[in-house]
Each structure stands twice: as C-alpha cells, then as structure tokens.
Amino acid sequence: MPYSHLFVKDKILCSCNSINVGEAVEFLKEHGIKNVTDWMNSDIQCVGDKCEACNEGGTENDGLTLAVILSQVKQGLL
C-alpha cells in the first residue's frame, strides 16, 4: 500500500486530543461512523475541534487526515 508508513497504530492523527491512528480506527469500527462530520461531532472521541490540522492537511502536514483514515476503514484496509 502506498504511504503505508502513515498507517501505523501509534502515529498521532490528532495532536490536540492525543488520538493515534489505532485509537481512531477502533473508534470508527466500534461506533459505525460513516462520515467525518459525525466523527467531529462525537462526544466520545473528540477530533478536529481545536486546530483542525487533522481535518485539513494532517497533524504533521503529511496528508494523514480524518477523511483518509475514515476512507481506509470503509474500504477495509485498516
């Protein structure tokens, strides 16, 4: 998978809320989140509510965004 180095469980996805990729994937699967808006509005796992870097270009400006993770989960790749 191209860019597979981005999809490691302990990589930070949302630095403001200290959410890593593994936690995000587990949350998305467990709660059946289908879109980024529902994820951002969740009271259980807060993401994208402070600086919004995780929703725009990635916390490390690497393109690893909420939408990318959600897409990978929907496709069964994560």
PDB file of N, CA and C in Angstrom:
ATOM      1  N   MET A   1       0.845  -1.166   0.000  1.00  0.00           N
ATOM      2  CA  MET A   1       0.000   0.000   0.000  1.00  0.00           C
ATOM      3  C   MET A   1       0.897   1.239   0.000  1.00  0.00           C
ATOM      4  N   PRO A   2       0.670   2.132  -0.936  1.00  0.00           N
ATOM      5  CA  PRO A   2       1.455   3.368  -0.928  1.00  0.00           C
ATOM      6  C   PRO A   2       1.223   4.132   0.373  1.00  0.00           C
ATOM      7  N   TYR A   3       2.252   4.752   0.844  1.00  0.00           N
ATOM      8  CA  TYR A   3       2.176   5.542   2.068  1.00  0.00           C
ATOM      9  C   TYR A   3       1.818   4.720   3.300  1.00  0.00           C
ATOM     10  N   SER A   4       2.107   3.427   3.261  1.00  0.00           N
ATOM     11  CA  SER A   4       1.752   2.557   4.387  1.00  0.00           C
ATOM     12  C   SER A   4       2.444   2.970   5.675  1.00  0.00           C
ATOM     13  N   HIS A   5       3.546   3.705   5.570  1.00  0.00           N
ATOM     14  CA  HIS A   5       4.238   4.172   6.769  1.00  0.00           C
ATOM     15  C   HIS A   5       3.388   5.158   7.571  1.00  0.00           C
ATOM     16  N   LEU A   6       2.355   5.717   6.954  1.00  0.00           N
ATOM     17  CA  LEU A   6       1.472   6.646   7.660  1.00  0.00           C
ATOM     18  C   LEU A   6       0.430   5.934   8.507  1.00  0.00           C
ATOM     19  N   PHE A   7       0.159   4.674   8.188  1.00  0.00           N
ATOM     20  CA  PHE A   7      -0.948   3.978   8.818  1.00  0.00           C
ATOM     21  C   PHE A   7      -0.502   3.037   9.933  1.00  0.00           C
ATOM     22  N   VAL A   8       0.437   3.466  10.733  1.00  0.00           N
ATOM     23  CA  VAL A   8       0.863   2.669  11.879  1.00  0.00           C
ATOM     24  C   VAL A   8       0.026   3.085  13.086  1.00  0.00           C
ATOM     25  N   LYS A   9      -0.292   2.114  13.933  1.00  0.00           N
ATOM     26  CA  LYS A   9      -1.239   2.341  15.022  1.00  0.00           C
ATOM     27  C   LYS A   9      -0.854   3.461  15.970  1.00  0.00           C
ATOM     28  N   ASP A  10       0.426   3.631  16.236  1.00  0.00           N
ATOM     29  CA  ASP A  10       0.814   4.629  17.234  1.00  0.00           C
ATOM     30  C   ASP A  10       1.122   6.008  16.651  1.00  0.00           C
ATOM     31  N   LYS A  11       0.901   6.188  15.343  1.00  0.00           N
ATOM     32  CA  LYS A  11       1.123   7.506  14.720  1.00  0.00           C
ATOM     33  C   LYS A  11       0.002   8.453  15.150  1.00  0.00           C
ATOM     34  N   ILE A  12       0.377   9.643  15.574  1.00  0.00           N
ATOM     35  CA  ILE A  12      -0.606  10.630  16.029  1.00  0.00           C
ATOM     36  C   ILE A  12      -1.428  11.133  14.848  1.00  0.00           C
ATOM     37  N   LEU A  13      -2.733  11.074  15.000  1.00  0.00           N
ATOM     38  CA  LEU A  13      -3.664  11.587  13.998  1.00  0.00           C
ATOM     39  C   LEU A  13      -4.141  12.984  14.399  1.00  0.00           C
ATOM     40  N   CYS A  14      -4.509  13.144  15.666  1.00  0.00           N
ATOM     41  CA  CYS A  14      -4.987  14.424  16.188  1.00  0.00           C
ATOM     42  C   CYS A  14      -4.154  14.776  17.412  1.00  0.00           C
ATOM     43  N   SER A  15      -3.204  15.677  17.228  1.00  0.00           N
ATOM     44  CA  SER A  15      -2.293  16.001  18.328  1.00  0.00           C
ATOM     45  C   SER A  15      -2.976  16.792  19.435  1.00  0.00           C
ATOM     46  N   CYS A  16      -3.943  17.599  19.119  1.00  0.00           N
ATOM     47  CA  CYS A  16      -4.630  18.393  20.142  1.00  0.00           C
ATOM     48  C   CYS A  16      -5.372  17.515  21.150  1.00  0.00           C
ATOM     49  N   ASN A  17      -5.869  16.381  20.681  1.00  0.00           N
ATOM     50  CA  ASN A  17      -6.625  15.482  21.554  1.00  0.00           C
ATOM     51  C   ASN A  17      -5.880  14.172  21.822  1.00  0.00           C
ATOM     52  N   SER A  18      -4.632  14.098  21.386  1.00  0.00           N
ATOM     53  CA  SER A  18      -3.782  12.910  21.604  1.00  0.00           C
ATOM     54  C   SER A  18      -4.442  11.614  21.131  1.00  0.00           C
ATOM     55  N   ILE A  19      -4.964  11.639  19.914  1.00  0.00           N
ATOM     56  CA  ILE A  19      -5.595  10.460  19.303  1.00  0.00           C
ATOM     57  C   ILE A  19      -4.640   9.903  18.263  1.00  0.00           C
ATOM     58  N   ASN A  20      -4.335   8.599  18.374  1.00  0.00           N
ATOM     59  CA  ASN A  20      -3.474   7.993  17.366  1.00  0.00           C
ATOM     60  C   ASN A  20      -4.311   7.199  16.364  1.00  0.00           C
ATOM     61  N   VAL A  21      -3.676   6.730  15.324  1.00  0.00           N
ATOM     62  CA  VAL A  21      -4.379   6.018  14.253  1.00  0.00           C
ATOM     63  C   VAL A  21      -5.100   4.782  14.791  1.00  0.00           C
ATOM     64  N   GLY A  22      -4.444   4.024  15.648  1.00  0.00           N
ATOM     65  CA  GLY A  22      -5.058   2.814  16.204  1.00  0.00           C
ATOM     66  C   GLY A  22      -6.335   3.109  16.971  1.00  0.00           C
ATOM     67  N   GLU A  23      -6.300   4.132  17.796  1.00  0.00           N
ATOM     68  CA  GLU A  23      -7.488   4.518  18.564  1.00  0.00           C
ATOM     69  C   GLU A  23      -8.604   4.990  17.640  1.00  0.00           C
ATOM     70  N   ALA A  24      -8.244   5.733  16.615  1.00  0.00           N
ATOM     71  CA  ALA A  24      -9.228   6.235  15.662  1.00  0.00           C
ATOM     72  C   ALA A  24      -9.901   5.088  14.915  1.00  0.00           C
ATOM     73  N   VAL A  25      -9.113   4.141  14.439  1.00  0.00           N
ATOM     74  CA  VAL A  25      -9.659   3.003  13.695  1.00  0.00           C
ATOM     75  C   VAL A  25     -10.598   2.190  14.585  1.00  0.00           C
ATOM     76  N   GLU A  26     -10.178   1.930  15.799  1.00  0.00           N
ATOM     77  CA  GLU A  26     -11.014   1.175  16.744  1.00  0.00           C
ATOM     78  C   GLU A  26     -12.338   1.907  16.989  1.00  0.00           C
ATOM     79  N   PHE A  27     -12.273   3.211  17.192  1.00  0.00           N
ATOM     80  CA  PHE A  27     -13.470   4.012  17.431  1.00  0.00           C
ATOM     81  C   PHE A  27     -14.409   3.973  16.228  1.00  0.00           C
ATOM     82  N   LEU A  28     -13.875   4.180  15.038  1.00  0.00           N
ATOM     83  CA  LEU A  28     -14.700   4.195  13.831  1.00  0.00           C
ATOM     84  C   LEU A  28     -15.427   2.874  13.632  1.00  0.00           C
ATOM     85  N   LYS A  29     -14.733   1.781  13.849  1.00  0.00           N
ATOM     86  CA  LYS A  29     -15.342   0.460  13.678  1.00  0.00           C
ATOM     87  C   LYS A  29     -16.380   0.186  14.756  1.00  0.00           C
ATOM     88  N   GLU A  30     -16.029   0.500  15.986  1.00  0.00           N
ATOM     89  CA  GLU A  30     -16.911   0.217  17.123  1.00  0.00           C
ATOM     90  C   GLU A  30     -18.210   1.021  17.067  1.00  0.00           C
ATOM     91  N   HIS A  31     -18.131   2.261  16.587  1.00  0.00           N
ATOM     92  CA  HIS A  31     -19.298   3.137  16.600  1.00  0.00           C
ATOM     93  C   HIS A  31     -19.942   3.313  15.231  1.00  0.00           C
ATOM     94  N   GLY A  32     -19.415   2.649  14.215  1.00  0.00           N
ATOM     95  CA  GLY A  32     -20.028   2.685  12.886  1.00  0.00           C
ATOM     96  C   GLY A  32     -20.088   4.081  12.275  1.00  0.00           C
ATOM     97  N   ILE A  33     -19.072   4.877  12.534  1.00  0.00           N
ATOM     98  CA  ILE A  33     -19.031   6.244  11.997  1.00  0.00           C
ATOM     99  C   ILE A  33     -18.886   6.169  10.478  1.00  0.00           C
ATOM    100  N   LYS A  34     -19.741   6.904   9.775  1.00  0.00           N
ATOM    101  CA  LYS A  34     -19.761   6.842   8.315  1.00  0.00           C
ATOM    102  C   LYS A  34     -19.265   8.105   7.621  1.00  0.00           C
ATOM    103  N   ASN A  35     -19.147   9.209   8.363  1.00  0.00           N
ATOM    104  CA  ASN A  35     -18.653  10.433   7.734  1.00  0.00           C
ATOM    105  C   ASN A  35     -17.877  11.275   8.740  1.00  0.00           C
ATOM    106  N   VAL A  36     -17.066  12.172   8.224  1.00  0.00           N
ATOM    107  CA  VAL A  36     -16.186  12.991   9.055  1.00  0.00           C
ATOM    108  C   VAL A  36     -16.988  13.914   9.966  1.00  0.00           C
ATOM    109  N   THR A  37     -18.098  14.431   9.485  1.00  0.00           N
ATOM    110  CA  THR A  37     -18.915  15.335  10.301  1.00  0.00           C
ATOM    111  C   THR A  37     -19.405  14.641  11.562  1.00  0.00           C
ATOM    112  N   ASP A  38     -19.900  13.420  11.422  1.00  0.00           N
ATOM    113  CA  ASP A  38     -20.355  12.665  12.595  1.00  0.00           C
ATOM    114  C   ASP A  38     -19.204  12.408  13.561  1.00  0.00           C
ATOM    115  N   TRP A  39     -18.035  12.117  13.010  1.00  0.00           N
ATOM    116  CA  TRP A  39     -16.856  11.870  13.839  1.00  0.00           C
ATOM    117  C   TRP A  39     -16.469  13.135  14.600  1.00  0.00           C
ATOM    118  N   MET A  40     -16.446  14.254  13.916  1.00  0.00           N
ATOM    119  CA  MET A  40     -16.065  15.514  14.549  1.00  0.00           C
ATOM    120  C   MET A  40     -17.092  15.961  15.591  1.00  0.00           C
ATOM    121  N   ASN A  41     -18.340  15.572  15.422  1.00  0.00           N
ATOM    122  CA  ASN A  41     -19.397  15.944  16.365  1.00  0.00           C
ATOM    123  C   ASN A  41     -19.554  14.957  17.511  1.00  0.00           C
ATOM    124  N   SER A  42     -18.783  13.895  17.507  1.00  0.00           N
ATOM    125  CA  SER A  42     -18.883  12.880  18.551  1.00  0.00           C
ATOM    126  C   SER A  42     -18.437  13.425  19.905  1.00  0.00           C
ATOM    127  N   ASP A  43     -19.179  13.065  20.931  1.00  0.00           N
ATOM    128  CA  ASP A  43     -18.805  13.417  22.300  1.00  0.00           C
ATOM    129  C   ASP A  43     -17.885  12.358  22.903  1.00  0.00           C
ATOM    130  N   ILE A  44     -17.740  11.236  22.225  1.00  0.00           N
ATOM    131  CA  ILE A  44     -16.946  10.123  22.746  1.00  0.00           C
ATOM    132  C   ILE A  44     -15.475  10.279  22.385  1.00  0.00           C
ATOM    133  N   GLN A  45     -15.191  10.590  21.114  1.00  0.00           N
ATOM    134  CA  GLN A  45     -13.815  10.815  20.680  1.00  0.00           C
ATOM    135  C   GLN A  45     -13.753  12.147  19.951  1.00  0.00           C
ATOM    136  N   CYS A  46     -13.253  13.144  20.631  1.00  0.00           N
ATOM    137  CA  CYS A  46     -13.166  14.495  20.053  1.00  0.00           C
ATOM    138  C   CYS A  46     -11.968  14.588  19.108  1.00  0.00           C
ATOM    139  N   VAL A  47     -12.223  15.005  17.899  1.00  0.00           N
ATOM    140  CA  VAL A  47     -11.172  15.243  16.908  1.00  0.00           C
ATOM    141  C   VAL A  47     -11.536  16.475  16.102  1.00  0.00           C
ATOM    142  N   GLY A  48     -10.535  17.187  15.626  1.00  0.00           N
ATOM    143  CA  GLY A  48     -10.761  18.318  14.731  1.00  0.00           C
ATOM    144  C   GLY A  48     -11.494  19.489  15.348  1.00  0.00           C
ATOM    145  N   ASP A  49     -11.527  19.561  16.665  1.00  0.00           N
ATOM    146  CA  ASP A  49     -12.305  20.611  17.316  1.00  0.00           C
ATOM    147  C   ASP A  49     -11.460  21.779  17.827  1.00  0.00           C
ATOM    148  N   LYS A  50     -10.154  21.683  17.661  1.00  0.00           N
ATOM    149  CA  LYS A  50      -9.295  22.748  18.170  1.00  0.00           C
ATOM    150  C   LYS A  50      -8.560  23.422  17.014  1.00  0.00           C
ATOM    151  N   CYS A  51      -7.488  22.835  16.542  1.00  0.00           N
ATOM    152  CA  CYS A  51      -6.713  23.494  15.483  1.00  0.00           C
ATOM    153  C   CYS A  51      -7.138  23.058  14.083  1.00  0.00           C
ATOM    154  N   GLU A  52      -7.838  21.942  13.977  1.00  0.00           N
ATOM    155  CA  GLU A  52      -8.348  21.400  12.713  1.00  0.00           C
ATOM    156  C   GLU A  52      -7.281  20.912  11.744  1.00  0.00           C
ATOM    157  N   ALA A  53      -6.029  20.813  12.163  1.00  0.00           N
ATOM    158  CA  ALA A  53      -4.977  20.304  11.275  1.00  0.00           C
ATOM    159  C   ALA A  53      -5.280  18.882  10.825  1.00  0.00           C
ATOM    160  N   CYS A  54      -5.843  18.078  11.705  1.00  0.00           N
ATOM    161  CA  CYS A  54      -6.137  16.688  11.352  1.00  0.00           C
ATOM    162  C   CYS A  54      -7.247  16.581  10.311  1.00  0.00           C
ATOM    163  N   ASN A  55      -7.971  17.653  10.113  1.00  0.00           N
ATOM    164  CA  ASN A  55      -9.041  17.645   9.126  1.00  0.00           C
ATOM    165  C   ASN A  55      -8.606  18.301   7.813  1.00  0.00           C
ATOM    166  N   GLU A  56      -7.526  19.055   7.842  1.00  0.00           N
ATOM    167  CA  GLU A  56      -7.139  19.810   6.652  1.00  0.00           C
ATOM    168  C   GLU A  56      -5.923  19.261   5.920  1.00  0.00           C
ATOM    169  N   GLY A  57      -4.799  19.096   6.605  1.00  0.00           N
ATOM    170  CA  GLY A  57      -3.586  18.651   5.918  1.00  0.00           C
ATOM    171  C   GLY A  57      -2.810  17.599   6.670  1.00  0.00           C
ATOM    172  N   GLY A  58      -3.315  17.234   7.824  1.00  0.00           N
ATOM    173  CA  GLY A  58      -2.610  16.279   8.662  1.00  0.00           C
ATOM    174  C   GLY A  58      -1.834  16.985   9.752  1.00  0.00           C
ATOM    175  N   THR A  59      -1.757  16.367  10.908  1.00  0.00           N
ATOM    176  CA  THR A  59      -1.070  16.944  12.052  1.00  0.00           C
ATOM    177  C   THR A  59       0.372  17.291  11.720  1.00  0.00           C
ATOM    178  N   GLU A  60       1.015  16.451  10.933  1.00  0.00           N
ATOM    179  CA  GLU A  60       2.399  16.695  10.537  1.00  0.00           C
ATOM    180  C   GLU A  60       2.480  17.188   9.092  1.00  0.00           C
ATOM    181  N   ASN A  61       1.371  17.718   8.603  1.00  0.00           N
ATOM    182  CA  ASN A  61       1.276  18.211   7.226  1.00  0.00           C
ATOM    183  C   ASN A  61       1.661  17.130   6.218  1.00  0.00           C
ATOM    184  N   ASP A  62       1.253  15.892   6.528  1.00  0.00           N
ATOM    185  CA  ASP A  62       1.618  14.741   5.708  1.00  0.00           C
ATOM    186  C   ASP A  62       0.440  14.148   4.934  1.00  0.00           C
ATOM    187  N   GLY A  63      -0.708  14.795   5.015  1.00  0.00           N
ATOM    188  CA  GLY A  63      -1.874  14.314   4.291  1.00  0.00           C
ATOM    189  C   GLY A  63      -2.681  13.271   5.036  1.00  0.00           C
ATOM    190  N   LEU A  64      -2.244  12.894   6.223  1.00  0.00           N
ATOM    191  CA  LEU A  64      -2.976  11.910   7.023  1.00  0.00           C
ATOM    192  C   LEU A  64      -4.083  12.645   7.775  1.00  0.00           C
ATOM    193  N   THR A  65      -5.256  12.652   7.182  1.00  0.00           N
ATOM    194  CA  THR A  65      -6.387  13.400   7.728  1.00  0.00           C
ATOM    195  C   THR A  65      -7.481  12.461   8.216  1.00  0.00           C
ATOM    196  N   LEU A  66      -8.479  13.031   8.853  1.00  0.00           N
ATOM    197  CA  LEU A  66      -9.626  12.257   9.310  1.00  0.00           C
ATOM    198  C   LEU A  66     -10.291  11.548   8.128  1.00  0.00           C
ATOM    199  N   ALA A  67     -10.449  12.259   7.028  1.00  0.00           N
ATOM    200  CA  ALA A  67     -11.098  11.682   5.843  1.00  0.00           C
ATOM    201  C   ALA A  67     -10.310  10.501   5.285  1.00  0.00           C
ATOM    202  N   VAL A  68      -8.991  10.589   5.307  1.00  0.00           N
ATOM    203  CA  VAL A  68      -8.150   9.498   4.800  1.00  0.00           C
ATOM    204  C   VAL A  68      -8.329   8.256   5.667  1.00  0.00           C
ATOM    205  N   ILE A  69      -8.276   8.426   6.984  1.00  0.00           N
ATOM    206  CA  ILE A  69      -8.441   7.283   7.885  1.00  0.00           C
ATOM    207  C   ILE A  69      -9.830   6.685   7.727  1.00  0.00           C
ATOM    208  N   LEU A  70     -10.851   7.525   7.677  1.00  0.00           N
ATOM    209  CA  LEU A  70     -12.216   7.030   7.514  1.00  0.00           C
ATOM    210  C   LEU A  70     -12.352   6.253   6.204  1.00  0.00           C
ATOM    211  N   SER A  71     -11.787   6.770   5.138  1.00  0.00           N
ATOM    212  CA  SER A  71     -11.840   6.082   3.845  1.00  0.00           C
ATOM    213  C   SER A  71     -11.160   4.709   3.904  1.00  0.00           C
ATOM    214  N   GLN A  72     -10.000   4.653   4.541  1.00  0.00           N
ATOM    215  CA  GLN A  72      -9.277   3.391   4.661  1.00  0.00           C
ATOM    216  C   GLN A  72     -10.086   2.367   5.463  1.00  0.00           C
ATOM    217  N   VAL A  73     -10.751   2.818   6.516  1.00  0.00           N
ATOM    218  CA  VAL A  73     -11.584   1.922   7.319  1.00  0.00           C
ATOM    219  C   VAL A  73     -12.784   1.441   6.491  1.00  0.00           C
ATOM    220  N   LYS A  74     -13.423   2.334   5.785  1.00  0.00           N
ATOM    221  CA  LYS A  74     -14.582   1.970   4.952  1.00  0.00           C
ATOM    222  C   LYS A  74     -14.211   0.943   3.889  1.00  0.00           C
ATOM    223  N   GLN A  75     -12.992   1.051   3.361  1.00  0.00           N
ATOM    224  CA  GLN A  75     -12.525   0.121   2.330  1.00  0.00           C
ATOM    225  C   GLN A  75     -12.001  -1.189   2.922  1.00  0.00           C
ATOM    226  N   GLY A  76     -11.964  -1.273   4.236  1.00  0.00           N
ATOM    227  CA  GLY A  76     -11.471  -2.477   4.890  1.00  0.00           C
ATOM    228  C   GLY A  76      -9.951  -2.601   4.871  1.00  0.00           C
ATOM    229  N   LEU A  77      -9.263  -1.508   4.622  1.00  0.00           N
ATOM    230  CA  LEU A  77      -7.797  -1.543   4.564  1.00  0.00           C
ATOM    231  C   LEU A  77      -7.164  -1.336   5.931  1.00  0.00           C
ATOM    232  N   LEU A  78      -7.928  -0.828   6.873  1.00  0.00           N
ATOM    233  CA  LEU A  78      -7.441  -0.649   8.249  1.00  0.00           C
ATOM    234  C   LEU A  78      -8.411  -1.328   9.201  1.00  0.00           C
TER     235      LEU A  78
END
